[in-house]
Amino acid sequence: MHSKFFTWAILSLFTLPLMGQMKNLSFKFNHTVNGTPLELDKTLFSIHNGKKVKITRADFFLSGVTLFANDQDSFKIEKSYVLSSAYEPNKTHAVGEYPHNFGFNKLSMEVGIDKETNHADPSPYPASHPLGPKNPDMHWGWAGGYRFIAVEGFVDSNGDDIPENMFQFHGLGDQLLFSAIMNLSENHNPDSEVIVINLDYGKLFNSIAMTGNLIQHNSGNLNKLLLLNAANGGFITPANTSSIENVSFDSIATFSQKNREIQLDFDHDENQKVISIFDTSGKEIKSLTTNASYYSTNLDTEISGNYIITVYNGHSKVAKQFFIH
């Protein structure tokens, strides 16, 4: 079956002035904590375990932006790199070009930098480019590549509301590249050039105790948790949607896994829900609309790697990343 892009390519031969136009896509970020604007070195907020945190630096990369239409056609924006920084909360970030007549309602992007670019020579990029030299630096050297995320600040360890313990999470390493999938609300205008994205920094620290050694410049477990939270923990959501609430995956369903067998238990909830599974490129592997209180599927035909399962119950949309061998 011919895809939309094949049809679009053929038609463009005859209607090039109309159909050959491209549009510029841009991102703008709302840097927040629980809906309140984040102010570096000022905002003090509680995380999941009650500890209070103050952030002094928050930078991260997005790359590999791919747009998806209703019929699962997609368009990948080549060489799309964005460096989001809480130092520049009002900046509009150029992502790249897409066909002006391509309507989309979902996009995927990687939190970090693709392997080839991560270990390439960074010197050709000017300072104005996301991959160019920065202060503070986002590049660790050719062997380590780029810092996918750099979050620094202080945590209140003794409960006196004065954050005194320094933390530095610099996540780097190809194994920490995770994909985020963002569904856009029904009232999204695909002709809009700017997509506004909410960032909730409180979500970054979910499942992180903030105790022990908090100076982590590596690809270890703490940075892995941070990047998983950034990609799939509700840190990144579209600003023009009201369907994503502050809920955890476990509050919607109990997830269990026996390698390639995936199970969800909805605790007798027989309301309608949409279950989808994606690979890290954003391709939808499976999707089901069901009223059943239990879901089971097998991924025997899929390659080993990371996958993302999402559940939408009409009120909340949650996501969880998992790995199959």
C-alpha atoms as a PDB file:
ATOM      1  CA  MET A   1       0.000   0.000   0.000  1.00  0.00           C
ATOM      2  CA  HIS A   2       1.260   3.411  -0.978  1.00  0.00           C
ATOM      3  CA  SER A   3       1.952   5.723   1.908  1.00  0.00           C
ATOM      4  CA  LYS A   4       0.871   9.320   2.161  1.00  0.00           C
ATOM      5  CA  PHE A   5       4.439  10.368   1.443  1.00  0.00           C
ATOM      6  CA  PHE A   6       4.555   8.377  -1.782  1.00  0.00           C
ATOM      7  CA  THR A   7       1.333  10.016  -2.895  1.00  0.00           C
ATOM      8  CA  TRP A   8       2.630  13.407  -1.791  1.00  0.00           C
ATOM      9  CA  ALA A   9       5.849  12.864  -3.774  1.00  0.00           C
ATOM     10  CA  ILE A  10       3.990  12.010  -6.967  1.00  0.00           C
ATOM     11  CA  LEU A  11       1.616  14.949  -6.653  1.00  0.00           C
ATOM     12  CA  SER A  12       4.490  17.282  -5.973  1.00  0.00           C
ATOM     13  CA  LEU A  13       5.837  16.623  -9.456  1.00  0.00           C
ATOM     14  CA  PHE A  14       2.730  18.278 -10.837  1.00  0.00           C
ATOM     15  CA  THR A  15       1.984  20.859  -8.168  1.00  0.00           C
ATOM     16  CA  LEU A  16       5.463  21.763  -6.940  1.00  0.00           C
ATOM     17  CA  PRO A  17       4.717  25.436  -6.162  1.00  0.00           C
ATOM     18  CA  LEU A  18       1.840  24.399  -3.887  1.00  0.00           C
ATOM     19  CA  MET A  19       2.954  21.092  -2.426  1.00  0.00           C
ATOM     20  CA  GLY A  20       6.709  21.500  -2.215  1.00  0.00           C
ATOM     21  CA  GLN A  21       6.575  24.078   0.547  1.00  0.00           C
ATOM     22  CA  MET A  22       8.048  23.326   3.940  1.00  0.00           C
ATOM     23  CA  LYS A  23       7.141  24.701   7.335  1.00  0.00           C
ATOM     24  CA  ASN A  24       9.445  25.489  10.220  1.00  0.00           C
ATOM     25  CA  LEU A  25       8.737  23.693  13.478  1.00  0.00           C
ATOM     26  CA  SER A  26       9.826  25.225  16.780  1.00  0.00           C
ATOM     27  CA  PHE A  27       9.576  24.271  20.450  1.00  0.00           C
ATOM     28  CA  LYS A  28       9.046  26.562  23.401  1.00  0.00           C
ATOM     29  CA  PHE A  29       9.334  25.257  26.970  1.00  0.00           C
ATOM     30  CA  ASN A  30       7.503  26.185  30.147  1.00  0.00           C
ATOM     31  CA  HIS A  31       9.967  25.397  32.953  1.00  0.00           C
ATOM     32  CA  THR A  32       7.763  24.578  35.956  1.00  0.00           C
ATOM     33  CA  VAL A  33       7.396  22.658  39.203  1.00  0.00           C
ATOM     34  CA  ASN A  34       3.845  21.426  39.797  1.00  0.00           C
ATOM     35  CA  GLY A  35       2.526  24.171  37.512  1.00  0.00           C
ATOM     36  CA  THR A  36       4.547  26.964  39.151  1.00  0.00           C
ATOM     37  CA  PRO A  37       7.339  28.634  37.153  1.00  0.00           C
ATOM     38  CA  LEU A  38      10.803  27.357  38.054  1.00  0.00           C
ATOM     39  CA  GLU A  39      13.317  30.004  39.115  1.00  0.00           C
ATOM     40  CA  LEU A  40      16.875  28.753  39.217  1.00  0.00           C
ATOM     41  CA  ASP A  41      18.533  29.017  42.623  1.00  0.00           C
ATOM     42  CA  LYS A  42      15.249  30.253  44.144  1.00  0.00           C
ATOM     43  CA  THR A  43      12.396  27.761  43.812  1.00  0.00           C
ATOM     44  CA  LEU A  44      12.365  25.267  46.706  1.00  0.00           C
ATOM     45  CA  PHE A  45      10.062  22.287  46.157  1.00  0.00           C
ATOM     46  CA  SER A  46       9.270  18.883  47.614  1.00  0.00           C
ATOM     47  CA  ILE A  47       9.902  15.686  45.675  1.00  0.00           C
ATOM     48  CA  HIS A  48       8.201  12.278  45.955  1.00  0.00           C
ATOM     49  CA  ASN A  49       9.691  11.364  49.358  1.00  0.00           C
ATOM     50  CA  GLY A  50       9.189  14.762  50.989  1.00  0.00           C
ATOM     51  CA  LYS A  51      12.776  15.972  50.633  1.00  0.00           C
ATOM     52  CA  LYS A  52      13.111  19.549  49.420  1.00  0.00           C
ATOM     53  CA  VAL A  53      15.212  20.459  46.414  1.00  0.00           C
ATOM     54  CA  LYS A  54      16.524  23.659  44.830  1.00  0.00           C
ATOM     55  CA  ILE A  55      17.795  23.541  41.242  1.00  0.00           C
ATOM     56  CA  THR A  56      20.641  25.781  40.077  1.00  0.00           C
ATOM     57  CA  ARG A  57      21.169  24.293  36.615  1.00  0.00           C
ATOM     58  CA  ALA A  58      18.874  22.356  34.268  1.00  0.00           C
ATOM     59  CA  ASP A  59      19.945  21.609  30.686  1.00  0.00           C
ATOM     60  CA  PHE A  60      19.043  18.691  28.431  1.00  0.00           C
ATOM     61  CA  PHE A  61      19.067  17.674  24.768  1.00  0.00           C
ATOM     62  CA  LEU A  62      16.246  16.510  22.517  1.00  0.00           C
ATOM     63  CA  SER A  63      16.961  14.985  19.112  1.00  0.00           C
ATOM     64  CA  GLY A  64      15.513  12.797  16.368  1.00  0.00           C
ATOM     65  CA  VAL A  65      12.134  14.554  16.304  1.00  0.00           C
ATOM     66  CA  THR A  66       9.596  12.506  14.326  1.00  0.00           C
ATOM     67  CA  LEU A  67       6.027  13.592  13.539  1.00  0.00           C
ATOM     68  CA  PHE A  68       3.155  11.083  13.269  1.00  0.00           C
ATOM     69  CA  ALA A  69      -0.184  11.423  11.489  1.00  0.00           C
ATOM     70  CA  ASN A  70      -3.465   9.701  12.380  1.00  0.00           C
ATOM     71  CA  ASP A  71      -2.830   6.957   9.831  1.00  0.00           C
ATOM     72  CA  GLN A  72       0.626   6.210  11.270  1.00  0.00           C
ATOM     73  CA  ASP A  73       2.487   7.911   8.436  1.00  0.00           C
ATOM     74  CA  SER A  74       5.501   9.697   9.825  1.00  0.00           C
ATOM     75  CA  PHE A  75       8.037  12.338   8.942  1.00  0.00           C
ATOM     76  CA  LYS A  76      11.426  12.492  10.645  1.00  0.00           C
ATOM     77  CA  ILE A  77      13.005  15.933  10.833  1.00  0.00           C
ATOM     78  CA  GLU A  78      16.603  15.340   9.874  1.00  0.00           C
ATOM     79  CA  LYS A  79      19.360  16.672  12.110  1.00  0.00           C
ATOM     80  CA  SER A  80      16.878  17.964  14.659  1.00  0.00           C
ATOM     81  CA  TYR A  81      18.720  18.958  17.838  1.00  0.00           C
ATOM     82  CA  VAL A  82      17.342  21.086  20.658  1.00  0.00           C
ATOM     83  CA  LEU A  83      19.127  22.158  23.833  1.00  0.00           C
ATOM     84  CA  SER A  84      16.616  23.189  26.467  1.00  0.00           C
ATOM     85  CA  SER A  85      18.023  25.296  29.297  1.00  0.00           C
ATOM     86  CA  ALA A  86      16.300  26.773  32.301  1.00  0.00           C
ATOM     87  CA  TYR A  87      18.808  29.635  31.940  1.00  0.00           C
ATOM     88  CA  GLU A  88      16.791  30.704  28.884  1.00  0.00           C
ATOM     89  CA  PRO A  89      13.140  30.076  29.819  1.00  0.00           C
ATOM     90  CA  ASN A  90      11.718  32.366  27.121  1.00  0.00           C
ATOM     91  CA  LYS A  91      13.752  31.063  24.190  1.00  0.00           C
ATOM     92  CA  THR A  92      12.059  29.620  21.099  1.00  0.00           C
ATOM     93  CA  HIS A  93      14.026  26.653  19.736  1.00  0.00           C
ATOM     94  CA  ALA A  94      14.170  25.883  16.010  1.00  0.00           C
ATOM     95  CA  VAL A  95      13.606  22.158  15.401  1.00  0.00           C
ATOM     96  CA  GLY A  96      13.603  21.911  11.597  1.00  0.00           C
ATOM     97  CA  GLU A  97      11.334  21.703   8.574  1.00  0.00           C
ATOM     98  CA  TYR A  98       8.378  19.487   7.712  1.00  0.00           C
ATOM     99  CA  PRO A  99       5.958  19.437   4.732  1.00  0.00           C
ATOM    100  CA  HIS A 100       3.408  22.213   5.132  1.00  0.00           C
ATOM    101  CA  ASN A 101       0.498  19.887   4.276  1.00  0.00           C
ATOM    102  CA  PHE A 102       1.491  17.142   6.738  1.00  0.00           C
ATOM    103  CA  GLY A 103      -0.928  17.109   9.664  1.00  0.00           C
ATOM    104  CA  PHE A 104       0.282  15.374  12.805  1.00  0.00           C
ATOM    105  CA  ASN A 105      -1.081  14.616  16.268  1.00  0.00           C
ATOM    106  CA  LYS A 106       1.852  12.833  17.874  1.00  0.00           C
ATOM    107  CA  LEU A 107       5.604  13.177  17.950  1.00  0.00           C
ATOM    108  CA  SER A 108       8.531  11.221  19.310  1.00  0.00           C
ATOM    109  CA  MET A 109      11.959  12.489  20.251  1.00  0.00           C
ATOM    110  CA  GLU A 110      15.011  11.159  22.008  1.00  0.00           C
ATOM    111  CA  VAL A 111      16.235  12.679  25.253  1.00  0.00           C
ATOM    112  CA  GLY A 112      19.906  12.929  24.418  1.00  0.00           C
ATOM    113  CA  ILE A 113      21.966  12.630  21.232  1.00  0.00           C
ATOM    114  CA  ASP A 114      22.105   9.795  18.683  1.00  0.00           C
ATOM    115  CA  LYS A 115      25.202   7.582  18.839  1.00  0.00           C
ATOM    116  CA  GLU A 116      26.809   8.734  15.576  1.00  0.00           C
ATOM    117  CA  THR A 117      26.540  12.430  16.426  1.00  0.00           C
ATOM    118  CA  ASN A 118      27.373  11.839  20.083  1.00  0.00           C
ATOM    119  CA  HIS A 119      30.880  10.665  19.196  1.00  0.00           C
ATOM    120  CA  ALA A 120      31.525  12.882  16.183  1.00  0.00           C
ATOM    121  CA  ASP A 121      33.784  15.930  16.114  1.00  0.00           C
ATOM    122  CA  PRO A 122      31.873  18.817  17.761  1.00  0.00           C
ATOM    123  CA  SER A 123      34.249  21.524  16.535  1.00  0.00           C
ATOM    124  CA  PRO A 124      32.402  22.389  13.280  1.00  0.00           C
ATOM    125  CA  TYR A 125      29.361  23.625  15.224  1.00  0.00           C
ATOM    126  CA  PRO A 126      29.235  27.337  16.079  1.00  0.00           C
ATOM    127  CA  ALA A 127      28.319  28.466  19.575  1.00  0.00           C
ATOM    128  CA  SER A 128      24.823  29.371  18.332  1.00  0.00           C
ATOM    129  CA  HIS A 129      24.107  25.724  17.381  1.00  0.00           C
ATOM    130  CA  PRO A 130      22.684  23.398  20.069  1.00  0.00           C
ATOM    131  CA  LEU A 131      25.709  21.103  19.629  1.00  0.00           C
ATOM    132  CA  GLY A 132      28.238  23.951  19.688  1.00  0.00           C
ATOM    133  CA  PRO A 133      30.386  25.030  22.653  1.00  0.00           C
ATOM    134  CA  LYS A 134      28.412  26.086  25.718  1.00  0.00           C
ATOM    135  CA  ASN A 135      29.046  27.594  29.128  1.00  0.00           C
ATOM    136  CA  PRO A 136      28.515  25.545  31.257  1.00  0.00           C
ATOM    137  CA  ASP A 137      29.813  22.891  28.857  1.00  0.00           C
ATOM    138  CA  MET A 138      27.540  20.111  27.594  1.00  0.00           C
ATOM    139  CA  HIS A 139      30.314  18.101  25.909  1.00  0.00           C
ATOM    140  CA  TRP A 140      32.345  15.544  27.861  1.00  0.00           C
ATOM    141  CA  GLY A 141      34.906  14.736  25.150  1.00  0.00           C
ATOM    142  CA  TRP A 142      34.882  12.443  22.142  1.00  0.00           C
ATOM    143  CA  ALA A 143      34.877   9.237  24.189  1.00  0.00           C
ATOM    144  CA  GLY A 144      32.075  10.280  26.542  1.00  0.00           C
ATOM    145  CA  GLY A 145      30.164  12.415  24.083  1.00  0.00           C
ATOM    146  CA  TYR A 146      27.578  14.948  25.172  1.00  0.00           C
ATOM    147  CA  ARG A 147      25.920  15.276  28.526  1.00  0.00           C
ATOM    148  CA  PHE A 148      22.370  14.230  27.653  1.00  0.00           C
ATOM    149  CA  ILE A 149      21.148  16.023  30.758  1.00  0.00           C
ATOM    150  CA  ALA A 150      22.799  18.200  33.390  1.00  0.00           C
ATOM    151  CA  VAL A 151      20.797  18.964  36.532  1.00  0.00           C
ATOM    152  CA  GLU A 152      22.483  20.558  39.539  1.00  0.00           C
ATOM    153  CA  GLY A 153      21.374  22.055  42.818  1.00  0.00           C
ATOM    154  CA  PHE A 154      20.999  21.381  46.526  1.00  0.00           C
ATOM    155  CA  VAL A 155      18.838  19.070  48.634  1.00  0.00           C
ATOM    156  CA  ASP A 156      17.675  19.627  52.216  1.00  0.00           C
ATOM    157  CA  SER A 157      18.944  16.492  53.948  1.00  0.00           C
ATOM    158  CA  ASN A 158      18.135  17.365  57.573  1.00  0.00           C
ATOM    159  CA  GLY A 159      14.616  18.774  57.182  1.00  0.00           C
ATOM    160  CA  ASP A 160      15.316  22.380  58.191  1.00  0.00           C
ATOM    161  CA  ASP A 161      14.059  23.828  54.867  1.00  0.00           C
ATOM    162  CA  ILE A 162      17.605  24.918  54.006  1.00  0.00           C
ATOM    163  CA  PRO A 163      19.039  22.870  51.114  1.00  0.00           C
ATOM    164  CA  GLU A 164      22.677  22.271  52.026  1.00  0.00           C
ATOM    165  CA  ASN A 165      23.783  19.110  50.199  1.00  0.00           C
ATOM    166  CA  MET A 166      25.002  19.659  46.637  1.00  0.00           C
ATOM    167  CA  PHE A 167      23.915  17.348  43.831  1.00  0.00           C
ATOM    168  CA  GLN A 168      25.130  17.133  40.234  1.00  0.00           C
ATOM    169  CA  PHE A 169      23.517  14.723  37.791  1.00  0.00           C
ATOM    170  CA  HIS A 170      25.311  14.699  34.442  1.00  0.00           C
ATOM    171  CA  GLY A 171      23.880  11.810  32.412  1.00  0.00           C
ATOM    172  CA  LEU A 172      26.022  10.643  29.500  1.00  0.00           C
ATOM    173  CA  GLY A 173      26.538   7.461  27.525  1.00  0.00           C
ATOM    174  CA  ASP A 174      24.729   5.934  24.534  1.00  0.00           C
ATOM    175  CA  GLN A 175      22.925   3.440  26.783  1.00  0.00           C
ATOM    176  CA  LEU A 176      21.049   6.344  28.425  1.00  0.00           C
ATOM    177  CA  LEU A 177      19.322   7.422  25.201  1.00  0.00           C
ATOM    178  CA  PHE A 178      15.567   7.043  25.756  1.00  0.00           C
ATOM    179  CA  SER A 179      12.628   8.033  23.590  1.00  0.00           C
ATOM    180  CA  ALA A 180       9.766  10.284  24.666  1.00  0.00           C
ATOM    181  CA  ILE A 181       6.375  10.114  22.948  1.00  0.00           C
ATOM    182  CA  MET A 182       4.065  13.102  23.127  1.00  0.00           C
ATOM    183  CA  ASN A 183       0.424  12.934  22.064  1.00  0.00           C
ATOM    184  CA  LEU A 184      -1.036  16.281  21.097  1.00  0.00           C
ATOM    185  CA  SER A 185      -4.557  17.244  22.125  1.00  0.00           C
ATOM    186  CA  GLU A 186      -7.458  17.240  19.685  1.00  0.00           C
ATOM    187  CA  ASN A 187      -7.427  21.026  19.426  1.00  0.00           C
ATOM    188  CA  HIS A 188      -3.804  21.054  18.261  1.00  0.00           C
ATOM    189  CA  ASN A 189      -3.409  22.950  15.009  1.00  0.00           C
ATOM    190  CA  PRO A 190      -0.895  21.036  12.868  1.00  0.00           C
ATOM    191  CA  ASP A 191      -0.187  24.236  10.933  1.00  0.00           C
ATOM    192  CA  SER A 192       1.101  25.926  14.087  1.00  0.00           C
ATOM    193  CA  GLU A 193       4.837  26.499  13.856  1.00  0.00           C
ATOM    194  CA  VAL A 194       5.461  26.517  17.629  1.00  0.00           C
ATOM    195  CA  ILE A 195       4.657  23.654  19.975  1.00  0.00           C
ATOM    196  CA  VAL A 196       4.679  24.695  23.628  1.00  0.00           C
ATOM    197  CA  ILE A 197       5.937  21.990  25.993  1.00  0.00           C
ATOM    198  CA  ASN A 198       5.516  21.888  29.763  1.00  0.00           C
ATOM    199  CA  LEU A 199       8.475  20.666  31.800  1.00  0.00           C
ATOM    200  CA  ASP A 200       7.736  19.606  35.394  1.00  0.00           C
ATOM    201  CA  TYR A 201      11.049  19.346  37.213  1.00  0.00           C
ATOM    202  CA  GLY A 202       9.464  17.697  40.238  1.00  0.00           C
ATOM    203  CA  LYS A 203       8.923  14.582  38.104  1.00  0.00           C
ATOM    204  CA  LEU A 204      12.637  14.233  37.360  1.00  0.00           C
ATOM    205  CA  PHE A 205      13.362  12.998  40.884  1.00  0.00           C
ATOM    206  CA  ASN A 206      10.737  10.241  41.088  1.00  0.00           C
ATOM    207  CA  SER A 207      12.222   7.048  42.597  1.00  0.00           C
ATOM    208  CA  ILE A 208      15.467   8.892  43.424  1.00  0.00           C
ATOM    209  CA  ALA A 209      16.077   8.985  47.201  1.00  0.00           C
ATOM    210  CA  MET A 210      18.523  11.929  47.041  1.00  0.00           C
ATOM    211  CA  THR A 211      20.835  10.353  49.621  1.00  0.00           C
ATOM    212  CA  GLY A 212      24.420   9.120  49.477  1.00  0.00           C
ATOM    213  CA  ASN A 213      26.801  10.229  46.723  1.00  0.00           C
ATOM    214  CA  LEU A 214      24.905  12.809  44.662  1.00  0.00           C
ATOM    215  CA  ILE A 215      27.796  13.913  42.437  1.00  0.00           C
ATOM    216  CA  GLN A 216      27.137  11.650  39.461  1.00  0.00           C
ATOM    217  CA  HIS A 217      28.886  12.371  36.132  1.00  0.00           C
ATOM    218  CA  ASN A 218      28.357   9.015  34.431  1.00  0.00           C
ATOM    219  CA  SER A 219      25.888   6.535  32.958  1.00  0.00           C
ATOM    220  CA  GLY A 220      25.093   4.923  36.324  1.00  0.00           C
ATOM    221  CA  ASN A 221      21.755   4.020  37.847  1.00  0.00           C
ATOM    222  CA  LEU A 222      20.903   7.463  39.250  1.00  0.00           C
ATOM    223  CA  ASN A 223      21.414   9.125  35.877  1.00  0.00           C
ATOM    224  CA  LYS A 224      19.522   6.303  34.185  1.00  0.00           C
ATOM    225  CA  LEU A 225      16.564   6.931  36.498  1.00  0.00           C
ATOM    226  CA  LEU A 226      16.774  10.658  35.826  1.00  0.00           C
ATOM    227  CA  LEU A 227      16.717  10.186  32.057  1.00  0.00           C
ATOM    228  CA  LEU A 228      13.925   7.600  32.224  1.00  0.00           C
ATOM    229  CA  ASN A 229      11.914  10.109  34.260  1.00  0.00           C
ATOM    230  CA  ALA A 230      12.711  12.804  31.699  1.00  0.00           C
ATOM    231  CA  ALA A 231      11.562  10.626  28.805  1.00  0.00           C
ATOM    232  CA  ASN A 232       8.589   8.779  30.280  1.00  0.00           C
ATOM    233  CA  GLY A 233       7.875  10.042  33.774  1.00  0.00           C
ATOM    234  CA  GLY A 234       5.577  12.958  32.967  1.00  0.00           C
ATOM    235  CA  PHE A 235       8.420  15.500  32.843  1.00  0.00           C
ATOM    236  CA  ILE A 236       7.598  16.383  29.219  1.00  0.00           C
ATOM    237  CA  THR A 237       3.955  17.088  28.288  1.00  0.00           C
ATOM    238  CA  PRO A 238       2.291  19.295  25.674  1.00  0.00           C
ATOM    239  CA  ALA A 239       1.082  22.579  27.136  1.00  0.00           C
ATOM    240  CA  ASN A 240      -2.167  22.494  25.183  1.00  0.00           C
ATOM    241  CA  THR A 241      -3.552  19.312  26.695  1.00  0.00           C
ATOM    242  CA  SER A 242      -5.656  18.883  29.805  1.00  0.00           C
ATOM    243  CA  SER A 243      -5.827  15.100  29.698  1.00  0.00           C
ATOM    244  CA  ILE A 244      -2.498  14.357  31.388  1.00  0.00           C
ATOM    245  CA  GLU A 245      -2.847  14.508  35.134  1.00  0.00           C
ATOM    246  CA  ASN A 246      -0.330  14.110  37.915  1.00  0.00           C
ATOM    247  CA  VAL A 247      -0.808  10.346  38.290  1.00  0.00           C
ATOM    248  CA  SER A 248       1.579   7.412  38.312  1.00  0.00           C
ATOM    249  CA  PHE A 249       1.418   4.349  36.068  1.00  0.00           C
ATOM    250  CA  ASP A 250       0.823   2.141  39.105  1.00  0.00           C
ATOM    251  CA  SER A 251      -2.288   4.123  40.027  1.00  0.00           C
ATOM    252  CA  ILE A 252      -3.851   3.092  36.702  1.00  0.00           C
ATOM    253  CA  ALA A 253      -2.540  -0.457  36.274  1.00  0.00           C
ATOM    254  CA  THR A 254      -0.201  -3.006  37.826  1.00  0.00           C
ATOM    255  CA  PHE A 255       2.530  -3.861  35.335  1.00  0.00           C
ATOM    256  CA  SER A 256       4.213  -7.269  35.334  1.00  0.00           C
ATOM    257  CA  GLN A 257       6.626  -8.857  32.891  1.00  0.00           C
ATOM    258  CA  LYS A 258       8.081 -12.275  32.143  1.00  0.00           C
ATOM    259  CA  ASN A 259      10.621 -11.118  29.584  1.00  0.00           C
ATOM    260  CA  ARG A 260       8.483 -10.896  26.400  1.00  0.00           C
ATOM    261  CA  GLU A 261       5.121 -11.513  28.061  1.00  0.00           C
ATOM    262  CA  ILE A 262       3.601  -8.236  29.259  1.00  0.00           C
ATOM    263  CA  GLN A 263       0.629  -8.091  31.634  1.00  0.00           C
ATOM    264  CA  LEU A 264      -1.505  -5.258  33.000  1.00  0.00           C
ATOM    265  CA  ASP A 265      -3.967  -5.650  35.865  1.00  0.00           C
ATOM    266  CA  PHE A 266      -6.528  -2.834  36.145  1.00  0.00           C
ATOM    267  CA  ASP A 267      -7.950  -4.016  39.477  1.00  0.00           C
ATOM    268  CA  HIS A 268     -11.478  -4.782  38.205  1.00  0.00           C
ATOM    269  CA  ASP A 269     -11.729  -1.493  36.291  1.00  0.00           C
ATOM    270  CA  GLU A 270     -13.934  -2.263  33.281  1.00  0.00           C
ATOM    271  CA  ASN A 271     -14.085   1.259  31.882  1.00  0.00           C
ATOM    272  CA  GLN A 272     -12.773   1.819  28.375  1.00  0.00           C
ATOM    273  CA  LYS A 273      -9.034   2.279  27.997  1.00  0.00           C
ATOM    274  CA  VAL A 274      -6.548   2.500  25.139  1.00  0.00           C
ATOM    275  CA  ILE A 275      -3.350   0.456  25.467  1.00  0.00           C
ATOM    276  CA  SER A 276      -0.453   1.076  23.080  1.00  0.00           C
ATOM    277  CA  ILE A 277       3.102  -0.231  22.808  1.00  0.00           C
ATOM    278  CA  PHE A 278       5.841   1.661  20.951  1.00  0.00           C
ATOM    279  CA  ASP A 279       9.457   1.009  20.133  1.00  0.00           C
ATOM    280  CA  THR A 280      12.014   3.714  20.862  1.00  0.00           C
ATOM    281  CA  SER A 281      11.716   5.133  17.330  1.00  0.00           C
ATOM    282  CA  GLY A 282       8.094   6.001  18.106  1.00  0.00           C
ATOM    283  CA  LYS A 283       6.660   3.241  15.881  1.00  0.00           C
ATOM    284  CA  GLU A 284       3.444   1.789  17.297  1.00  0.00           C
ATOM    285  CA  ILE A 285       3.880  -1.969  17.753  1.00  0.00           C
ATOM    286  CA  LYS A 286       0.449  -2.774  19.211  1.00  0.00           C
ATOM    287  CA  SER A 287      -2.706  -0.893  20.109  1.00  0.00           C
ATOM    288  CA  LEU A 288      -5.965  -2.036  21.666  1.00  0.00           C
ATOM    289  CA  THR A 289      -9.126  -0.337  22.904  1.00  0.00           C
ATOM    290  CA  THR A 290     -10.711  -2.482  25.581  1.00  0.00           C
ATOM    291  CA  ASN A 291     -12.998  -2.541  28.606  1.00  0.00           C
ATOM    292  CA  ALA A 292     -11.284  -5.585  30.076  1.00  0.00           C
ATOM    293  CA  SER A 293      -9.765  -5.388  33.536  1.00  0.00           C
ATOM    294  CA  TYR A 294      -6.781  -7.509  32.501  1.00  0.00           C
ATOM    295  CA  TYR A 295      -4.428  -7.291  29.509  1.00  0.00           C
ATOM    296  CA  SER A 296      -1.760  -9.690  28.339  1.00  0.00           C
ATOM    297  CA  THR A 297       0.365  -9.700  25.212  1.00  0.00           C
ATOM    298  CA  ASN A 298       3.501 -11.359  23.905  1.00  0.00           C
ATOM    299  CA  LEU A 299       6.283  -9.604  22.008  1.00  0.00           C
ATOM    300  CA  ASP A 300       7.954 -12.733  20.608  1.00  0.00           C
ATOM    301  CA  THR A 301       8.358 -11.221  17.142  1.00  0.00           C
ATOM    302  CA  GLU A 302      10.052  -8.016  18.301  1.00  0.00           C
ATOM    303  CA  ILE A 303      13.795  -7.443  18.576  1.00  0.00           C
ATOM    304  CA  SER A 304      15.477  -7.063  21.956  1.00  0.00           C
ATOM    305  CA  GLY A 305      15.526  -3.530  23.344  1.00  0.00           C
ATOM    306  CA  ASN A 306      13.580  -0.836  25.139  1.00  0.00           C
ATOM    307  CA  TYR A 307       9.844  -0.378  24.572  1.00  0.00           C
ATOM    308  CA  ILE A 308       7.193   1.968  25.932  1.00  0.00           C
ATOM    309  CA  ILE A 309       3.660   1.027  26.974  1.00  0.00           C
ATOM    310  CA  THR A 310       1.010   3.714  27.397  1.00  0.00           C
ATOM    311  CA  VAL A 311      -2.484   3.576  28.884  1.00  0.00           C
ATOM    312  CA  TYR A 312      -5.172   6.207  28.379  1.00  0.00           C
ATOM    313  CA  ASN A 313      -8.391   5.778  30.371  1.00  0.00           C
ATOM    314  CA  GLY A 314     -10.219   8.897  29.192  1.00  0.00           C
ATOM    315  CA  HIS A 315      -8.936  11.003  32.069  1.00  0.00           C
ATOM    316  CA  SER A 316      -5.231  10.297  32.448  1.00  0.00           C
ATOM    317  CA  LYS A 317      -2.465   9.062  30.175  1.00  0.00           C
ATOM    318  CA  VAL A 318       0.480   7.227  31.712  1.00  0.00           C
ATOM    319  CA  ALA A 319       3.572   5.620  30.207  1.00  0.00           C
ATOM    320  CA  LYS A 320       6.153   3.071  31.314  1.00  0.00           C
ATOM    321  CA  GLN A 321       9.389   1.978  29.675  1.00  0.00           C
ATOM    322  CA  PHE A 322      10.491  -1.669  29.786  1.00  0.00           C
ATOM    323  CA  PHE A 323      13.186  -3.873  28.269  1.00  0.00           C
ATOM    324  CA  ILE A 324      12.905  -7.269  26.548  1.00  0.00           C
ATOM    325  CA  HIS A 325      15.851  -9.609  25.957  1.00  0.00           C
END
